[in-house]
Amino acid sequence: MKTALSIAGSDCSGGAGIQADLKTMTMNEVYAMSAITALTAQNTTGVTAISQTTPDFLKEQIDMIFTDIRPDAVKIGMVSGCGLIEVIAERLRFYRAENIVLDPVMAATSGSRLIEADAIETLKELLVPLATVITPNIPEAEILSGRSISNEREMELAAQEIANAFGCAVLVKGGHQIHDANDVLFSDGQCKWFHGKRIDNPNTHGTGCTLSSAIAANLAKGYDLETSIQRSKEYLSGALSAMLNLGQGQGPMNHAFDLCGEFVKEAQQ
């Protein structure tokens, strides 16, 4: 069985972060492992508290994984501080990690900020160049590229500029901001669009975590990048189409991806 590691923050409500990553990797048939960067008190409506893991403890987690069950792919999500980013970059270089998927999480779907301001520059300097692919949404792509994005052509330009600046493939996600679920990949000097139809489901908490984790799982299984992205978008669409609604709060509810096995199988056949 292939293996994948998620390096990310914990979401106690189970819809995003480490919890969503482990569910997604498991449903995509790889052995899922985690190194936790932070504990968060959050649900689908917002984040009320963040407690960072220390860099030394994060290093211990990563070492324990690589020295026993080497991951075939690594997904990196929420990393809120410079010290944590430095440890991740140093350890991944040390172990020569492969198939690194970086989801440059800067804010939760609810709008809560999840990264320190000075950590963004450290992320750009140390982690982005290590990635096989990064998966920014529109606001994150604007920060990384330094340009505003309001249409599909500007998505292409931002993806190209980020890729050229950092030497990695870039998947800019349109989401609900630009033509719904259409995403563009810039890799090997070319743009490729991945089209998706809009699914009228308010349960958007954790979709970015889920997509990047599914990409990592498929890379771990040996699929090329374009195929991994296509399979992952089909998986996410299947989960969204399930229209599962778990909570009783006022915000959007999480997806319960662990209950979507049949939709995953149908989407990937």
Foldseek 3Di string as FASTA:
>chain_A
DAEEEEEWADEVQQFAIPSLLCLLLVLLPHHYYYQHQWYWDDFQQDTDDIGGDALVSSLVRLVVCCVPPNHLAYEYEQHADLSNLVSVLVSCVVSVHPHYEYADDQAFPNGHGRHDPVNVVSCLVRPLLSHQEYEYEQVVLCVQQVHHDQEDVVLVVSQVSNCVVRVHKYKYADDVRYQHGKIWIQDPNDIDIDDDHHDPAQQPGHLSRSLRSQLRSVVSVPDDNVVSNNLSVLLSVLQRVVNDADDDDDHHHHRPSSVRSVSSVVSND
